[in-house]
Amino acid sequence: MRTLTSYFVTASSTPDMGGFRLGRPDVITQTDALARFNTLTVFNVGNLSPWQPDDFLEFFSTQANAFIFGLEGVAFDGAPVVGDTALTELFIDQSAFFSGGLPNLIDGTKGDRAVLTQLSTRAGLVGGQPVGPPYQSVSRIFQPAPFTQADGAIAEVGNFPANPADVFTDVSQANQVSVTLQATQFAPVVTGLNPAFTPTNPNCNTSTAGDPIPAQLGFIIQAEPGTGIAPGVLLSQFSSLPDLLIFEVPLAGPDAASGTMFYGTPLAGIFNSFGTIDLGCNIAFVLPGALGPAFLGAGYRQNEEIGALTAAPVVPVLSGAQAVAINGADFFQPQAGIGASPTLNWLPPAIGSPTVYSLRVFRFWIGPAGFTRRALVANLQTADTSVTLPNLLTDDPNLPTPQFFAFSLQAISSTNPNLADAPNRGRLPDAFAIAVSALMSP
């Protein structure tokens, strides 16, 4: 069965294609690149907790499905420095927003509300003393008056000090949690997701300051809107979500116990909290003659109730598909002449039992500025361990040639036993492991 660019292998004659995602149905998405760079938002907010080097800011509107993680890192002016106690003339353009694709515009006249949070750095308590590893949790929150973003205009978030009420407020750290991350147990899992995904690869990720960093294993407490949604339904399947606490350790080890960490739930009653284990690496693709790369993410993610994740040391519950081949050749080695309709096959993971597999096909080309570009061609979901693509690996006549392709193969374990027939109905707990191929040409 096909819906737009998604293909599903199902035995059902009445599959359920419904699902939940954030955002108004009439939200406006900014598709014009020039308009994104000319649409600005300025922040002037007082009572920032004295800024520390590893602090960061999140800004979001769930009604518009608009998110910025690390606001300070994408600001082109006014980013806070150590010791600052206010945001003063911090400017961003619309390209800073992430909505799982192109950015959406926040419209206060449509009921959109925004939230700005500061996640401050603390140390876990060990023996009652703050000598444990560092973590970040929401320490302060600001909920601005409604505002509207428009093409080419400047939207204002706060007007401090002219308006003394535009200040962050403290978030009570009333909840406590501790977790042990067995980072060394994850290393053999991720090396099976791509040869470049190793504990010592210094370029797996990039900090908000733009510095390369190796892979980090993270324990994250997130919050998702709970109004009108049954407990356990996962909006994170299609939408970003705000963070309440983040504890990260290097994938290279050693294994780490957090000590006692504290966090607040400033949106309690509106949002439900759950825990996530997250581990990723951006795999670079540079086409011949290109000035720079495009990326695909290999990784592992596990969503659980917080208590289930903290009851015992965290180890992987799922690994990636094994022995992945394309037309019988190695998935992780560049292949030429695979044709427009190749066959991919694999073995089940060594850890865990997937409910379904999701195979994504990506096209790569060199854009007008000379950099590698990519776009999703199709997503195919199946419970089987092989799939022959329809005639997908053909040149797009609207793009420059030559064009290349790569794949991501995601093993998904879900407590929804009917995920093959209801692919958009993710539930807690779930887990997935994503393998990324080498570059291929048809």
Foldseek 3Di string as FASTA:
>chain_A
DDDDQAAFDDPDPDFAADFDAFADPPWDFDDDPVLQQLWKEWEKAFQADFDDPPKAKKKDWRHHLKIATRLLLQFPDQRDDGRDGIGDGGMHTNCRIDNVDTGTWFAVVVVIWMKMFMWDKFAAADPNDRPHDIKTFTFWMFTADGWTIDGNDYIYGDDPPVPVVRYIDTFDQPDKAKAWAQLQLCQVQQCQQAVCQGLPNQAFDADSNGGGGHKKKKKWKWKDFDPPHDPFWDNVVRGDTDTGMIDIDRSVDDIGMRHMDTTGDPPPPGIDIWIKIWIKGWDWDFDVQFPGTDTDIFIKMWIAHRCVRHVDHDHDQAGDFAPKDKLNHGQADEEEDSAQWIKIFTHGTPGHDFLKKKKWKKKWDQDPVRHIDIDTNHIYMGRHGMDTGDRGQDDDPVGDDDMKMKMKMKGKHAPPNCCSSHVNGGGPTMMMGIHIGHIYHD
